[in-house]
């Protein structure tokens, strides 16, 4: 058999395909091991881009004034023929009622900044002593503090106060004492609680924006039924990963998986793409997204119905997308 060490290809415009110009090889006789097919033909076939556009209804663009374009874009791959961002087909659909909404979130937390306060109304300076952590169970100050509130604490709470002071004395913190049974007894007796001095703290951007769409597709002809089938197949295929670690390895034995396609989602109003920068117009743009979920329902109002060519009377598709980047003030200024 021949082992090729060099193959030169060129593109033939007339034939519309690659043509081999020259090659170098040598004859080989020996053992063979089947591995993966890395030929030029297989590489092109594996990374072939589908640049077709599918629409519903068929007169969506430019017939209907308002519609959405879903453009599939290649994500990360290891092939030179398929760089990130390369268009990989698109779908144009009518503007559904649930499309025109978005939400923005930020992570805002609240923290306790500390709470060393004076227990107003307590006798003998107990508030100051407790706040300073000067209340050892066996110490003179602790005994004085306990005696100052003896008249206000009764029953089993007397022992609770003593135990609570002993525990808190180890850490020397009023907050620690306030959390004990004795601290609760003092709170009830004095009618006061520890001030947590809470503060609101910004903790960073919130979640990535998500977008959900539902479309009801009812074919009016055999051609439109096929178009709907292509649309469903388009979304299902583009949302899934490919097999990695070499062409031809199946999903079970593959060591890696390739990223699924990203989606560019574009609103079009009155036939024009939404820019988002015009402050007098409320709509927004969307960064590239990954599709998180896709669902297809082939029933018609809960009833199973088919046309004469076995196509379903109604196809309802629901899908959700997640944006690939967080927003900043700059993005808002640019219309997102």
C-alpha atoms as a PDB file:
ATOM      1  CA  UNK A   1       0.000   0.000   0.000  1.00  0.00           C
ATOM      2  CA  UNK A   2       1.032   3.611  -0.409  1.00  0.00           C
ATOM      3  CA  UNK A   3       1.880   5.851   2.547  1.00  0.00           C
ATOM      4  CA  UNK A   4       1.467   9.518   1.658  1.00  0.00           C
ATOM      5  CA  UNK A   5       3.915  11.982   3.193  1.00  0.00           C
ATOM      6  CA  UNK A   6       2.692  15.079   1.338  1.00  0.00           C
ATOM      7  CA  UNK A   7      -0.532  15.984  -0.443  1.00  0.00           C
ATOM      8  CA  UNK A   8      -1.114  19.402  -2.058  1.00  0.00           C
ATOM      9  CA  UNK A   9      -4.732  20.538  -2.577  1.00  0.00           C
ATOM     10  CA  UNK A  10      -6.215  23.563  -4.342  1.00  0.00           C
ATOM     11  CA  UNK A  11      -9.738  24.882  -4.703  1.00  0.00           C
ATOM     12  CA  UNK A  12     -11.376  24.491  -8.145  1.00  0.00           C
ATOM     13  CA  UNK A  13     -13.965  27.276  -8.627  1.00  0.00           C
ATOM     14  CA  UNK A  14     -15.587  25.553 -11.590  1.00  0.00           C
ATOM     15  CA  UNK A  15     -16.061  22.233  -9.808  1.00  0.00           C
ATOM     16  CA  UNK A  16     -16.734  23.872  -6.461  1.00  0.00           C
ATOM     17  CA  UNK A  17     -14.483  21.445  -4.600  1.00  0.00           C
ATOM     18  CA  UNK A  18     -10.907  20.737  -3.513  1.00  0.00           C
ATOM     19  CA  UNK A  19      -8.695  19.121  -6.159  1.00  0.00           C
ATOM     20  CA  UNK A  20      -5.475  17.276  -5.400  1.00  0.00           C
ATOM     21  CA  UNK A  21      -2.580  18.827  -7.335  1.00  0.00           C
ATOM     22  CA  UNK A  22       0.325  16.642  -6.267  1.00  0.00           C
ATOM     23  CA  UNK A  23       1.416  14.100  -3.700  1.00  0.00           C
ATOM     24  CA  UNK A  24       4.447  12.237  -2.370  1.00  0.00           C
ATOM     25  CA  UNK A  25       4.265   8.646  -1.157  1.00  0.00           C
ATOM     26  CA  UNK A  26       6.146   5.405  -0.642  1.00  0.00           C
ATOM     27  CA  UNK A  27       5.153   1.752  -0.730  1.00  0.00           C
ATOM     28  CA  UNK A  28       4.670   0.025   2.615  1.00  0.00           C
ATOM     29  CA  UNK A  29       4.219  -3.597   3.558  1.00  0.00           C
ATOM     30  CA  UNK A  30       3.705  -4.422   7.201  1.00  0.00           C
ATOM     31  CA  UNK A  31       1.167  -4.533  10.081  1.00  0.00           C
ATOM     32  CA  UNK A  32      -1.689  -2.020  10.106  1.00  0.00           C
ATOM     33  CA  UNK A  33      -3.617  -0.460  13.001  1.00  0.00           C
ATOM     34  CA  UNK A  34      -6.942   1.229  12.363  1.00  0.00           C
ATOM     35  CA  UNK A  35      -7.103   4.709  13.886  1.00  0.00           C
ATOM     36  CA  UNK A  36      -9.080   7.837  13.088  1.00  0.00           C
ATOM     37  CA  UNK A  37      -9.606   9.318   9.645  1.00  0.00           C
ATOM     38  CA  UNK A  38      -7.795  12.667   9.500  1.00  0.00           C
ATOM     39  CA  UNK A  39      -7.973  13.078   5.715  1.00  0.00           C
ATOM     40  CA  UNK A  40      -8.770  16.445   4.210  1.00  0.00           C
ATOM     41  CA  UNK A  41     -12.128  15.132   2.996  1.00  0.00           C
ATOM     42  CA  UNK A  42     -13.174  13.860   6.421  1.00  0.00           C
ATOM     43  CA  UNK A  43     -12.012  17.028   8.170  1.00  0.00           C
ATOM     44  CA  UNK A  44     -14.102  19.188   5.844  1.00  0.00           C
ATOM     45  CA  UNK A  45     -17.100  16.872   6.184  1.00  0.00           C
ATOM     46  CA  UNK A  46     -16.876  16.863   9.979  1.00  0.00           C
ATOM     47  CA  UNK A  47     -16.734  20.651  10.157  1.00  0.00           C
ATOM     48  CA  UNK A  48     -19.063  21.457   7.289  1.00  0.00           C
ATOM     49  CA  UNK A  49     -21.069  24.564   8.021  1.00  0.00           C
ATOM     50  CA  UNK A  50     -24.770  24.751   7.277  1.00  0.00           C
ATOM     51  CA  UNK A  51     -25.446  28.297   6.114  1.00  0.00           C
ATOM     52  CA  UNK A  52     -29.121  27.784   5.295  1.00  0.00           C
ATOM     53  CA  UNK A  53     -31.876  29.981   6.747  1.00  0.00           C
ATOM     54  CA  UNK A  54     -35.172  28.445   7.878  1.00  0.00           C
ATOM     55  CA  UNK A  55     -38.232  30.627   8.447  1.00  0.00           C
ATOM     56  CA  UNK A  56     -41.735  30.360   9.872  1.00  0.00           C
ATOM     57  CA  UNK A  57     -44.128  31.497   8.598  1.00  0.00           C
ATOM     58  CA  UNK A  58     -42.527  31.392   5.173  1.00  0.00           C
ATOM     59  CA  UNK A  59     -43.224  35.110   4.739  1.00  0.00           C
ATOM     60  CA  UNK A  60     -41.633  36.059   8.079  1.00  0.00           C
ATOM     61  CA  UNK A  61     -38.793  37.953   6.483  1.00  0.00           C
ATOM     62  CA  UNK A  62     -39.579  40.415   5.026  1.00  0.00           C
ATOM     63  CA  UNK A  63     -43.337  39.755   5.058  1.00  0.00           C
ATOM     64  CA  UNK A  64     -43.972  40.124   8.795  1.00  0.00           C
ATOM     65  CA  UNK A  65     -42.796  43.402  10.329  1.00  0.00           C
ATOM     66  CA  UNK A  66     -41.610  41.940  13.660  1.00  0.00           C
ATOM     67  CA  UNK A  67     -39.494  38.784  13.970  1.00  0.00           C
ATOM     68  CA  UNK A  68     -36.524  37.191  15.771  1.00  0.00           C
ATOM     69  CA  UNK A  69     -33.350  35.856  14.159  1.00  0.00           C
ATOM     70  CA  UNK A  70     -31.515  32.964  15.839  1.00  0.00           C
ATOM     71  CA  UNK A  71     -28.052  32.670  14.288  1.00  0.00           C
ATOM     72  CA  UNK A  72     -25.960  29.640  15.296  1.00  0.00           C
ATOM     73  CA  UNK A  73     -22.273  30.449  15.802  1.00  0.00           C
ATOM     74  CA  UNK A  74     -19.431  27.985  16.128  1.00  0.00           C
ATOM     75  CA  UNK A  75     -18.081  27.834  19.684  1.00  0.00           C
ATOM     76  CA  UNK A  76     -14.612  26.631  20.742  1.00  0.00           C
ATOM     77  CA  UNK A  77     -13.204  23.925  18.430  1.00  0.00           C
ATOM     78  CA  UNK A  78      -9.777  22.576  17.596  1.00  0.00           C
ATOM     79  CA  UNK A  79     -10.279  22.727  13.827  1.00  0.00           C
ATOM     80  CA  UNK A  80      -8.780  25.458  11.674  1.00  0.00           C
ATOM     81  CA  UNK A  81     -11.799  25.192   9.373  1.00  0.00           C
ATOM     82  CA  UNK A  82     -14.201  26.072  12.180  1.00  0.00           C
ATOM     83  CA  UNK A  83     -13.259  29.125  14.187  1.00  0.00           C
ATOM     84  CA  UNK A  84     -15.360  30.524  16.990  1.00  0.00           C
ATOM     85  CA  UNK A  85     -18.071  32.865  15.796  1.00  0.00           C
ATOM     86  CA  UNK A  86     -18.415  31.399  12.299  1.00  0.00           C
ATOM     87  CA  UNK A  87     -22.130  31.453  11.293  1.00  0.00           C
ATOM     88  CA  UNK A  88     -23.591  27.960  11.182  1.00  0.00           C
ATOM     89  CA  UNK A  89     -27.113  28.538   9.858  1.00  0.00           C
ATOM     90  CA  UNK A  90     -30.045  30.526  11.210  1.00  0.00           C
ATOM     91  CA  UNK A  91     -33.753  30.427  11.963  1.00  0.00           C
ATOM     92  CA  UNK A  92     -36.149  33.352  11.541  1.00  0.00           C
ATOM     93  CA  UNK A  93     -39.391  33.167  13.550  1.00  0.00           C
ATOM     94  CA  UNK A  94     -42.299  35.480  14.263  1.00  0.00           C
ATOM     95  CA  UNK A  95     -42.196  37.617  17.424  1.00  0.00           C
ATOM     96  CA  UNK A  96     -44.082  35.698  20.164  1.00  0.00           C
ATOM     97  CA  UNK A  97     -45.822  37.472  23.088  1.00  0.00           C
ATOM     98  CA  UNK A  98     -43.350  36.147  25.678  1.00  0.00           C
ATOM     99  CA  UNK A  99     -40.261  37.427  23.867  1.00  0.00           C
ATOM    100  CA  UNK A 100     -40.207  41.065  24.954  1.00  0.00           C
ATOM    101  CA  UNK A 101     -39.014  40.736  28.537  1.00  0.00           C
ATOM    102  CA  UNK A 102     -35.715  40.721  30.383  1.00  0.00           C
ATOM    103  CA  UNK A 103     -34.474  41.093  33.961  1.00  0.00           C
ATOM    104  CA  UNK A 104     -31.324  42.342  35.651  1.00  0.00           C
ATOM    105  CA  UNK A 105     -29.957  41.182  39.026  1.00  0.00           C
ATOM    106  CA  UNK A 106     -27.151  42.133  41.367  1.00  0.00           C
ATOM    107  CA  UNK A 107     -25.851  40.291  44.441  1.00  0.00           C
ATOM    108  CA  UNK A 108     -26.537  42.453  47.494  1.00  0.00           C
ATOM    109  CA  UNK A 109     -25.821  40.999  50.942  1.00  0.00           C
ATOM    110  CA  UNK A 110     -26.277  42.175  54.503  1.00  0.00           C
ATOM    111  CA  UNK A 111     -23.645  41.631  57.206  1.00  0.00           C
ATOM    112  CA  UNK A 112     -23.486  42.316  60.941  1.00  0.00           C
ATOM    113  CA  UNK A 113     -20.852  44.965  61.613  1.00  0.00           C
ATOM    114  CA  UNK A 114     -20.806  44.409  65.385  1.00  0.00           C
ATOM    115  CA  UNK A 115     -23.086  45.223  68.305  1.00  0.00           C
ATOM    116  CA  UNK A 116     -21.398  46.367  71.478  1.00  0.00           C
ATOM    117  CA  UNK A 117     -24.016  48.550  73.099  1.00  0.00           C
ATOM    118  CA  UNK A 118     -24.798  49.663  76.625  1.00  0.00           C
ATOM    119  CA  UNK A 119     -27.859  48.017  78.142  1.00  0.00           C
ATOM    120  CA  UNK A 120     -29.765  51.128  79.071  1.00  0.00           C
ATOM    121  CA  UNK A 121     -31.686  50.961  82.298  1.00  0.00           C
ATOM    122  CA  UNK A 122     -29.445  48.346  83.944  1.00  0.00           C
ATOM    123  CA  UNK A 123     -28.120  49.154  87.387  1.00  0.00           C
ATOM    124  CA  UNK A 124     -24.535  49.280  88.562  1.00  0.00           C
ATOM    125  CA  UNK A 125     -23.007  49.845  85.135  1.00  0.00           C
ATOM    126  CA  UNK A 126     -23.824  46.298  83.992  1.00  0.00           C
ATOM    127  CA  UNK A 127     -24.109  47.385  80.352  1.00  0.00           C
ATOM    128  CA  UNK A 128     -20.591  48.787  80.250  1.00  0.00           C
ATOM    129  CA  UNK A 129     -19.151  45.773  82.017  1.00  0.00           C
ATOM    130  CA  UNK A 130     -20.897  43.310  79.714  1.00  0.00           C
ATOM    131  CA  UNK A 131     -19.928  45.266  76.610  1.00  0.00           C
ATOM    132  CA  UNK A 132     -16.305  45.182  77.693  1.00  0.00           C
ATOM    133  CA  UNK A 133     -16.429  41.453  78.314  1.00  0.00           C
ATOM    134  CA  UNK A 134     -15.637  41.931  82.010  1.00  0.00           C
ATOM    135  CA  UNK A 135     -17.897  39.271  83.442  1.00  0.00           C
ATOM    136  CA  UNK A 136     -16.026  36.147  84.506  1.00  0.00           C
ATOM    137  CA  UNK A 137     -18.343  33.729  86.322  1.00  0.00           C
ATOM    138  CA  UNK A 138     -16.042  33.569  89.335  1.00  0.00           C
ATOM    139  CA  UNK A 139     -14.653  37.121  89.131  1.00  0.00           C
ATOM    140  CA  UNK A 140     -15.681  40.070  91.266  1.00  0.00           C
ATOM    141  CA  UNK A 141     -16.936  42.042  88.274  1.00  0.00           C
ATOM    142  CA  UNK A 142     -19.009  39.112  87.066  1.00  0.00           C
ATOM    143  CA  UNK A 143     -20.523  38.724  90.525  1.00  0.00           C
ATOM    144  CA  UNK A 144     -21.299  42.435  90.690  1.00  0.00           C
ATOM    145  CA  UNK A 145     -22.927  42.319  87.279  1.00  0.00           C
ATOM    146  CA  UNK A 146     -25.006  39.335  88.275  1.00  0.00           C
ATOM    147  CA  UNK A 147     -26.098  40.969  91.539  1.00  0.00           C
ATOM    148  CA  UNK A 148     -27.166  44.093  89.657  1.00  0.00           C
ATOM    149  CA  UNK A 149     -29.810  42.187  87.735  1.00  0.00           C
ATOM    150  CA  UNK A 150     -30.768  39.628  90.388  1.00  0.00           C
ATOM    151  CA  UNK A 151     -33.914  41.523  91.138  1.00  0.00           C
ATOM    152  CA  UNK A 152     -35.046  41.296  87.534  1.00  0.00           C
ATOM    153  CA  UNK A 153     -34.212  37.643  86.873  1.00  0.00           C
ATOM    154  CA  UNK A 154     -36.147  34.843  88.545  1.00  0.00           C
ATOM    155  CA  UNK A 155     -36.493  31.092  88.487  1.00  0.00           C
ATOM    156  CA  UNK A 156     -34.263  28.928  86.344  1.00  0.00           C
ATOM    157  CA  UNK A 157     -33.110  32.006  84.431  1.00  0.00           C
ATOM    158  CA  UNK A 158     -30.794  32.850  87.331  1.00  0.00           C
ATOM    159  CA  UNK A 159     -28.643  29.816  86.536  1.00  0.00           C
ATOM    160  CA  UNK A 160     -28.901  30.512  82.825  1.00  0.00           C
ATOM    161  CA  UNK A 161     -27.443  33.981  83.332  1.00  0.00           C
ATOM    162  CA  UNK A 162     -24.564  32.590  85.374  1.00  0.00           C
ATOM    163  CA  UNK A 163     -23.788  29.928  82.745  1.00  0.00           C
ATOM    164  CA  UNK A 164     -24.057  32.437  79.904  1.00  0.00           C
ATOM    165  CA  UNK A 165     -21.645  34.839  81.585  1.00  0.00           C
ATOM    166  CA  UNK A 166     -19.147  32.045  82.110  1.00  0.00           C
ATOM    167  CA  UNK A 167     -19.252  31.008  78.442  1.00  0.00           C
ATOM    168  CA  UNK A 168     -19.064  34.569  77.151  1.00  0.00           C
ATOM    169  CA  UNK A 169     -16.163  35.437  79.467  1.00  0.00           C
ATOM    170  CA  UNK A 170     -13.941  33.067  77.500  1.00  0.00           C
ATOM    171  CA  UNK A 171     -14.447  35.121  74.327  1.00  0.00           C
ATOM    172  CA  UNK A 172     -15.022  38.430  76.073  1.00  0.00           C
ATOM    173  CA  UNK A 173     -17.860  39.350  73.692  1.00  0.00           C
ATOM    174  CA  UNK A 174     -21.306  40.736  74.420  1.00  0.00           C
ATOM    175  CA  UNK A 175     -22.665  39.174  71.247  1.00  0.00           C
ATOM    176  CA  UNK A 176     -21.648  35.754  72.525  1.00  0.00           C
ATOM    177  CA  UNK A 177     -23.492  36.319  75.799  1.00  0.00           C
ATOM    178  CA  UNK A 178     -26.582  37.650  73.983  1.00  0.00           C
ATOM    179  CA  UNK A 179     -26.959  34.325  72.202  1.00  0.00           C
ATOM    180  CA  UNK A 180     -27.110  32.289  75.420  1.00  0.00           C
ATOM    181  CA  UNK A 181     -30.217  31.461  77.443  1.00  0.00           C
ATOM    182  CA  UNK A 182     -28.983  33.883  80.097  1.00  0.00           C
ATOM    183  CA  UNK A 183     -28.589  36.623  77.508  1.00  0.00           C
ATOM    184  CA  UNK A 184     -32.175  36.057  76.372  1.00  0.00           C
ATOM    185  CA  UNK A 185     -33.291  36.320  80.002  1.00  0.00           C
ATOM    186  CA  UNK A 186     -31.511  39.650  80.372  1.00  0.00           C
ATOM    187  CA  UNK A 187     -33.117  40.838  77.127  1.00  0.00           C
ATOM    188  CA  UNK A 188     -36.577  40.033  78.433  1.00  0.00           C
ATOM    189  CA  UNK A 189     -35.848  41.640  81.776  1.00  0.00           C
ATOM    190  CA  UNK A 190     -34.446  44.865  80.330  1.00  0.00           C
ATOM    191  CA  UNK A 191     -36.679  45.039  77.240  1.00  0.00           C
ATOM    192  CA  UNK A 192     -33.690  45.446  74.934  1.00  0.00           C
ATOM    193  CA  UNK A 193     -31.742  43.372  72.427  1.00  0.00           C
ATOM    194  CA  UNK A 194     -28.248  43.559  71.002  1.00  0.00           C
ATOM    195  CA  UNK A 195     -28.012  45.985  68.096  1.00  0.00           C
ATOM    196  CA  UNK A 196     -26.554  43.972  65.157  1.00  0.00           C
ATOM    197  CA  UNK A 197     -25.497  47.133  63.297  1.00  0.00           C
ATOM    198  CA  UNK A 198     -26.258  45.500  59.940  1.00  0.00           C
ATOM    199  CA  UNK A 199     -24.941  46.997  56.719  1.00  0.00           C
ATOM    200  CA  UNK A 200     -25.809  46.379  53.064  1.00  0.00           C
ATOM    201  CA  UNK A 201     -22.786  45.211  51.065  1.00  0.00           C
ATOM    202  CA  UNK A 202     -22.436  44.867  47.268  1.00  0.00           C
ATOM    203  CA  UNK A 203     -21.178  41.374  46.493  1.00  0.00           C
ATOM    204  CA  UNK A 204     -20.842  41.524  42.714  1.00  0.00           C
ATOM    205  CA  UNK A 205     -22.923  40.946  39.567  1.00  0.00           C
ATOM    206  CA  UNK A 206     -25.939  38.687  39.861  1.00  0.00           C
ATOM    207  CA  UNK A 207     -26.850  35.773  37.627  1.00  0.00           C
ATOM    208  CA  UNK A 208     -26.433  35.688  33.869  1.00  0.00           C
ATOM    209  CA  UNK A 209     -29.555  36.863  32.063  1.00  0.00           C
ATOM    210  CA  UNK A 210     -31.839  34.145  30.732  1.00  0.00           C
ATOM    211  CA  UNK A 211     -34.381  34.312  27.911  1.00  0.00           C
ATOM    212  CA  UNK A 212     -37.290  31.980  27.151  1.00  0.00           C
ATOM    213  CA  UNK A 213     -39.373  31.713  23.989  1.00  0.00           C
ATOM    214  CA  UNK A 214     -42.384  29.649  22.938  1.00  0.00           C
ATOM    215  CA  UNK A 215     -43.519  29.284  19.332  1.00  0.00           C
ATOM    216  CA  UNK A 216     -46.614  27.542  17.974  1.00  0.00           C
ATOM    217  CA  UNK A 217     -45.907  26.280  14.448  1.00  0.00           C
ATOM    218  CA  UNK A 218     -48.849  25.182  12.287  1.00  0.00           C
ATOM    219  CA  UNK A 219     -47.961  24.239   8.686  1.00  0.00           C
ATOM    220  CA  UNK A 220     -50.186  25.511   5.878  1.00  0.00           C
ATOM    221  CA  UNK A 221     -48.513  23.381   3.218  1.00  0.00           C
ATOM    222  CA  UNK A 222     -46.243  20.384   2.764  1.00  0.00           C
ATOM    223  CA  UNK A 223     -43.323  22.751   2.168  1.00  0.00           C
ATOM    224  CA  UNK A 224     -43.962  24.596   5.404  1.00  0.00           C
ATOM    225  CA  UNK A 225     -44.260  21.281   7.284  1.00  0.00           C
ATOM    226  CA  UNK A 226     -40.769  20.372   6.067  1.00  0.00           C
ATOM    227  CA  UNK A 227     -39.523  23.811   7.091  1.00  0.00           C
ATOM    228  CA  UNK A 228     -40.852  23.251  10.613  1.00  0.00           C
ATOM    229  CA  UNK A 229     -39.103  19.889  10.752  1.00  0.00           C
ATOM    230  CA  UNK A 230     -35.849  21.593   9.718  1.00  0.00           C
ATOM    231  CA  UNK A 231     -36.314  24.270  12.397  1.00  0.00           C
ATOM    232  CA  UNK A 232     -36.766  21.703  15.159  1.00  0.00           C
ATOM    233  CA  UNK A 233     -33.755  19.747  13.941  1.00  0.00           C
ATOM    234  CA  UNK A 234     -31.696  22.943  13.720  1.00  0.00           C
ATOM    235  CA  UNK A 235     -32.207  23.829  17.388  1.00  0.00           C
ATOM    236  CA  UNK A 236     -31.747  20.264  18.644  1.00  0.00           C
ATOM    237  CA  UNK A 237     -28.498  19.807  16.780  1.00  0.00           C
ATOM    238  CA  UNK A 238     -26.984  23.209  17.521  1.00  0.00           C
ATOM    239  CA  UNK A 239     -27.603  22.962  21.293  1.00  0.00           C
ATOM    240  CA  UNK A 240     -25.719  19.664  21.649  1.00  0.00           C
ATOM    241  CA  UNK A 241     -21.953  19.066  21.837  1.00  0.00           C
ATOM    242  CA  UNK A 242     -19.946  17.061  19.376  1.00  0.00           C
ATOM    243  CA  UNK A 243     -17.561  14.200  20.111  1.00  0.00           C
ATOM    244  CA  UNK A 244     -13.953  15.158  20.700  1.00  0.00           C
ATOM    245  CA  UNK A 245     -10.548  13.458  20.785  1.00  0.00           C
ATOM    246  CA  UNK A 246     -10.638  12.637  17.086  1.00  0.00           C
ATOM    247  CA  UNK A 247     -13.174  12.304  14.309  1.00  0.00           C
ATOM    248  CA  UNK A 248     -15.290   9.185  14.447  1.00  0.00           C
ATOM    249  CA  UNK A 249     -15.050   8.430  18.162  1.00  0.00           C
ATOM    250  CA  UNK A 250     -18.526   7.926  19.607  1.00  0.00           C
ATOM    251  CA  UNK A 251     -19.916   9.661  22.683  1.00  0.00           C
ATOM    252  CA  UNK A 252     -19.324   6.609  24.886  1.00  0.00           C
ATOM    253  CA  UNK A 253     -15.599   6.194  24.237  1.00  0.00           C
ATOM    254  CA  UNK A 254     -14.745   9.837  23.540  1.00  0.00           C
ATOM    255  CA  UNK A 255     -12.415  11.406  26.101  1.00  0.00           C
ATOM    256  CA  UNK A 256     -13.707  14.910  25.421  1.00  0.00           C
ATOM    257  CA  UNK A 257     -16.739  16.678  23.978  1.00  0.00           C
ATOM    258  CA  UNK A 258     -16.722  19.835  21.889  1.00  0.00           C
ATOM    259  CA  UNK A 259     -18.686  22.905  22.884  1.00  0.00           C
ATOM    260  CA  UNK A 260     -22.159  23.295  21.387  1.00  0.00           C
ATOM    261  CA  UNK A 261     -22.881  26.278  19.160  1.00  0.00           C
ATOM    262  CA  UNK A 262     -23.618  29.675  20.620  1.00  0.00           C
ATOM    263  CA  UNK A 263     -26.652  31.646  19.469  1.00  0.00           C
ATOM    264  CA  UNK A 264     -26.898  35.244  18.376  1.00  0.00           C
ATOM    265  CA  UNK A 265     -30.455  36.376  19.149  1.00  0.00           C
ATOM    266  CA  UNK A 266     -31.588  39.504  17.319  1.00  0.00           C
ATOM    267  CA  UNK A 267     -34.907  41.316  17.615  1.00  0.00           C
ATOM    268  CA  UNK A 268     -36.229  42.964  14.465  1.00  0.00           C
ATOM    269  CA  UNK A 269     -38.988  45.581  14.725  1.00  0.00           C
ATOM    270  CA  UNK A 270     -40.596  46.959  11.594  1.00  0.00           C
ATOM    271  CA  UNK A 271     -38.010  45.047   9.609  1.00  0.00           C
ATOM    272  CA  UNK A 272     -35.026  46.704  11.321  1.00  0.00           C
ATOM    273  CA  UNK A 273     -32.627  45.196  13.913  1.00  0.00           C
ATOM    274  CA  UNK A 274     -33.044  46.579  17.433  1.00  0.00           C
ATOM    275  CA  UNK A 275     -30.080  48.799  18.209  1.00  0.00           C
ATOM    276  CA  UNK A 276     -30.844  49.458  21.863  1.00  0.00           C
ATOM    277  CA  UNK A 277     -28.931  52.735  22.028  1.00  0.00           C
ATOM    278  CA  UNK A 278     -31.935  54.929  21.260  1.00  0.00           C
ATOM    279  CA  UNK A 279     -33.148  55.943  24.734  1.00  0.00           C
ATOM    280  CA  UNK A 280     -36.615  56.689  23.339  1.00  0.00           C
ATOM    281  CA  UNK A 281     -37.093  53.008  22.406  1.00  0.00           C
ATOM    282  CA  UNK A 282     -37.369  50.462  25.229  1.00  0.00           C
ATOM    283  CA  UNK A 283     -36.169  47.238  23.600  1.00  0.00           C
ATOM    284  CA  UNK A 284     -32.808  45.650  24.334  1.00  0.00           C
ATOM    285  CA  UNK A 285     -30.045  43.648  22.688  1.00  0.00           C
ATOM    286  CA  UNK A 286     -28.792  40.234  23.802  1.00  0.00           C
ATOM    287  CA  UNK A 287     -25.206  38.982  24.016  1.00  0.00           C
ATOM    288  CA  UNK A 288     -24.367  35.565  22.568  1.00  0.00           C
ATOM    289  CA  UNK A 289     -26.147  32.754  24.411  1.00  0.00           C
ATOM    290  CA  UNK A 290     -25.981  29.023  24.997  1.00  0.00           C
ATOM    291  CA  UNK A 291     -29.257  27.132  24.759  1.00  0.00           C
ATOM    292  CA  UNK A 292     -30.069  25.594  28.140  1.00  0.00           C
ATOM    293  CA  UNK A 293     -33.205  23.672  27.209  1.00  0.00           C
ATOM    294  CA  UNK A 294     -35.403  22.828  24.252  1.00  0.00           C
ATOM    295  CA  UNK A 295     -38.795  21.110  24.226  1.00  0.00           C
ATOM    296  CA  UNK A 296     -41.046  20.052  21.351  1.00  0.00           C
ATOM    297  CA  UNK A 297     -44.750  19.248  21.773  1.00  0.00           C
ATOM    298  CA  UNK A 298     -46.489  17.643  18.786  1.00  0.00           C
ATOM    299  CA  UNK A 299     -50.025  17.535  20.190  1.00  0.00           C
ATOM    300  CA  UNK A 300     -52.789  19.953  19.221  1.00  0.00           C
ATOM    301  CA  UNK A 301     -54.617  21.270  22.297  1.00  0.00           C
ATOM    302  CA  UNK A 302     -53.862  17.986  24.025  1.00  0.00           C
ATOM    303  CA  UNK A 303     -55.115  15.911  21.079  1.00  0.00           C
ATOM    304  CA  UNK A 304     -52.933  13.774  18.815  1.00  0.00           C
ATOM    305  CA  UNK A 305     -53.560  14.975  15.225  1.00  0.00           C
ATOM    306  CA  UNK A 306     -51.646  14.344  12.009  1.00  0.00           C
ATOM    307  CA  UNK A 307     -51.923  15.497   8.404  1.00  0.00           C
ATOM    308  CA  UNK A 308     -52.269  13.092   5.469  1.00  0.00           C
ATOM    309  CA  UNK A 309     -48.470  12.992   5.032  1.00  0.00           C
ATOM    310  CA  UNK A 310     -48.024  11.978   8.709  1.00  0.00           C
ATOM    311  CA  UNK A 311     -46.788  15.426   9.750  1.00  0.00           C
ATOM    312  CA  UNK A 312     -48.199  16.740  13.054  1.00  0.00           C
ATOM    313  CA  UNK A 313     -50.902  19.404  12.783  1.00  0.00           C
ATOM    314  CA  UNK A 314     -49.199  21.521  15.452  1.00  0.00           C
ATOM    315  CA  UNK A 315     -45.595  21.742  16.657  1.00  0.00           C
ATOM    316  CA  UNK A 316     -45.011  23.826  19.779  1.00  0.00           C
ATOM    317  CA  UNK A 317     -41.387  24.518  20.663  1.00  0.00           C
ATOM    318  CA  UNK A 318     -40.141  26.042  23.912  1.00  0.00           C
ATOM    319  CA  UNK A 319     -36.530  26.988  24.529  1.00  0.00           C
ATOM    320  CA  UNK A 320     -34.449  28.859  27.056  1.00  0.00           C
ATOM    321  CA  UNK A 321     -31.092  30.588  26.598  1.00  0.00           C
ATOM    322  CA  UNK A 322     -28.422  31.863  28.977  1.00  0.00           C
ATOM    323  CA  UNK A 323     -26.246  34.846  28.103  1.00  0.00           C
ATOM    324  CA  UNK A 324     -22.496  34.160  28.006  1.00  0.00           C
ATOM    325  CA  UNK A 325     -21.305  37.312  29.759  1.00  0.00           C
ATOM    326  CA  UNK A 326     -22.216  39.513  32.709  1.00  0.00           C
ATOM    327  CA  UNK A 327     -23.356  43.086  32.181  1.00  0.00           C
ATOM    328  CA  UNK A 328     -21.696  46.337  33.223  1.00  0.00           C
ATOM    329  CA  UNK A 329     -22.628  49.991  32.817  1.00  0.00           C
ATOM    330  CA  UNK A 330     -20.877  49.931  29.438  1.00  0.00           C
ATOM    331  CA  UNK A 331     -23.228  47.191  28.212  1.00  0.00           C
ATOM    332  CA  UNK A 332     -26.266  49.178  29.330  1.00  0.00           C
ATOM    333  CA  UNK A 333     -24.991  52.203  27.391  1.00  0.00           C
ATOM    334  CA  UNK A 334     -24.686  49.951  24.339  1.00  0.00           C
ATOM    335  CA  UNK A 335     -28.310  48.873  24.568  1.00  0.00           C
ATOM    336  CA  UNK A 336     -28.246  45.548  26.441  1.00  0.00           C
END
